[in-house]
Protein backbone atom coordinates (compact mmCIF):
# COMPACT_ATOMS: atom_id res chain seq x y z
CA MET A 1 92.13 181.38 -59.62
CA GLY A 2 92.08 182.83 -63.10
CA TYR A 3 93.42 186.06 -64.45
CA ILE A 4 93.03 189.74 -63.62
CA PHE A 5 93.82 192.71 -65.89
CA LYS A 6 95.41 195.75 -64.20
CA LYS A 7 96.90 199.02 -65.41
CA TYR A 8 99.73 200.86 -63.64
CA GLU A 9 101.57 204.18 -63.80
CA PHE A 10 105.06 204.45 -62.35
CA ASP A 11 107.21 207.52 -61.71
CA SER A 12 109.79 206.33 -64.26
CA GLN A 13 110.72 203.48 -66.57
CA GLU A 14 113.41 202.48 -64.09
CA GLN A 15 110.86 202.16 -61.29
CA ALA A 16 108.64 199.96 -63.49
CA GLU A 17 111.61 197.79 -64.47
CA GLU A 18 112.55 197.38 -60.79
CA LYS A 19 109.01 196.28 -59.90
CA ILE A 20 109.01 193.76 -62.74
CA ALA A 21 112.48 192.46 -61.82
CA ALA A 22 111.35 191.98 -58.20
CA LEU A 23 108.61 189.54 -59.25
CA PRO A 24 109.49 185.86 -58.73
CA HIS A 25 111.60 184.59 -61.64
CA ASN A 26 113.12 181.28 -62.70
CA THR A 27 116.66 181.12 -64.06
CA ASP A 28 118.18 178.41 -66.25
CA ASP A 29 121.82 177.22 -66.29
CA GLU A 30 122.73 179.86 -68.85
CA GLY A 31 121.38 182.74 -66.76
CA ASN A 32 118.20 183.29 -68.80
CA LYS A 33 115.34 184.57 -66.63
CA TRP A 34 111.57 184.34 -67.01
CA LEU A 35 108.63 185.01 -64.76
CA GLU A 36 107.65 182.14 -62.47
CA ALA A 37 103.97 182.60 -63.26
CA ARG A 38 102.61 183.17 -66.75
CA HIS A 39 101.85 186.85 -66.25
CA THR A 40 101.72 188.95 -69.42
CA ILE A 41 103.37 192.35 -69.05
CA VAL A 42 103.12 195.10 -71.66
CA LYS A 43 105.36 198.15 -71.21
CA LEU A 44 103.43 201.00 -72.82
CA GLY A 45 105.88 203.73 -71.90
CA TYR A 46 105.11 207.44 -71.55
CA LEU A 47 101.67 207.79 -73.14
CA LEU A 48 100.52 210.91 -74.93
CA VAL A 49 98.21 213.08 -72.86
CA THR A 50 97.86 215.64 -75.68
CA GLU A 51 97.83 214.49 -79.30
CA PRO A 52 100.09 216.28 -81.80
CA VAL A 53 98.51 218.69 -84.30
CA TYR A 54 99.27 218.09 -87.99
CA ASP A 55 98.95 220.40 -90.99
CA ASP A 56 97.31 219.43 -94.30
CA ASN A 57 100.59 217.87 -95.48
CA GLY A 58 100.86 215.64 -92.43
CA GLU A 59 103.67 217.67 -90.90
CA VAL A 60 103.62 218.22 -87.14
CA GLU A 61 102.57 221.78 -86.27
CA ILE A 62 102.37 221.26 -82.52
CA GLU A 63 104.16 218.41 -80.76
CA GLY A 64 102.13 216.06 -78.59
CA LEU A 65 102.67 216.07 -74.84
CA ALA A 66 103.71 212.84 -73.13
CA SER A 67 102.72 211.92 -69.60
CA ASP A 68 105.37 212.09 -66.90
CA LYS A 69 104.25 208.59 -65.77
CA TYR A 70 105.45 205.31 -67.27
CA SER A 71 102.51 203.01 -68.08
CA VAL A 72 102.41 199.23 -67.82
CA ASP A 73 99.51 196.82 -68.39
CA VAL A 74 99.57 193.38 -66.78
CA LEU A 75 97.42 190.30 -67.17
CA TRP A 76 98.14 188.54 -63.89
CA GLU A 77 97.76 184.76 -63.77
CA GLY A 78 96.57 183.13 -60.57
CA LEU A 79 96.08 186.32 -58.56
CA ASP A 80 92.96 187.94 -57.15
CA GLU A 81 94.61 191.35 -56.72
CA SER A 82 97.83 193.19 -57.53
CA PRO A 83 100.94 191.72 -55.90
CA TYR A 84 102.45 193.38 -52.86
CA GLY A 85 103.93 196.77 -53.73
CA TRP A 86 101.97 197.20 -56.97
CA LYS A 87 98.52 198.31 -55.77
CA SER A 88 99.53 201.92 -55.07
CA TYR A 89 100.46 202.29 -58.77
CA GLU A 90 97.11 201.04 -60.13
CA VAL A 91 95.16 203.41 -62.37
CA ASN A 92 91.63 203.20 -63.72
CA PRO A 93 91.31 205.00 -67.05
CA GLU A 94 87.97 205.20 -68.80
CA GLY A 95 87.26 202.26 -71.07
CA ASN A 96 90.27 200.20 -72.07
CA GLY A 97 92.74 203.08 -72.27
CA VAL A 98 95.23 202.82 -75.14
CA HIS A 99 95.75 199.05 -74.83
CA THR A 100 93.86 195.88 -74.03
CA PHE A 101 94.59 192.18 -74.22
CA ALA A 102 92.75 190.23 -76.94
CA GLY A 103 89.46 188.99 -75.55
CA TRP A 104 89.66 191.17 -72.42
CA SER A 105 88.01 194.36 -71.29
CA PHE A 106 89.74 196.41 -68.63
CA ASN A 107 88.91 195.28 -65.07
CA SER A 108 87.19 192.09 -66.25
CA LYS A 109 87.66 189.06 -64.04
């Protein structure tokens, strides 16, 4: 098994954090935690769905509009599909979306 690249949208940052915390972790004697597998997780946050409008001086005329969904990209190691409880949050934007991992295109295997 290699890697898979998936994108997710959660109802809130808290929900995303709970999903990440529920993944298998190791803990050392000092209480430091890290993921058991070498998954790479990027918390993108609430992405803009409408870009802000700027005037000629670079001042914001119209604020951008952020999504009400919290976005996370994950490069899963050793999985063929999203872990249990994650699949229902998968999204498939066009192209790579706003983020990609170096050397990866979205949905490549």
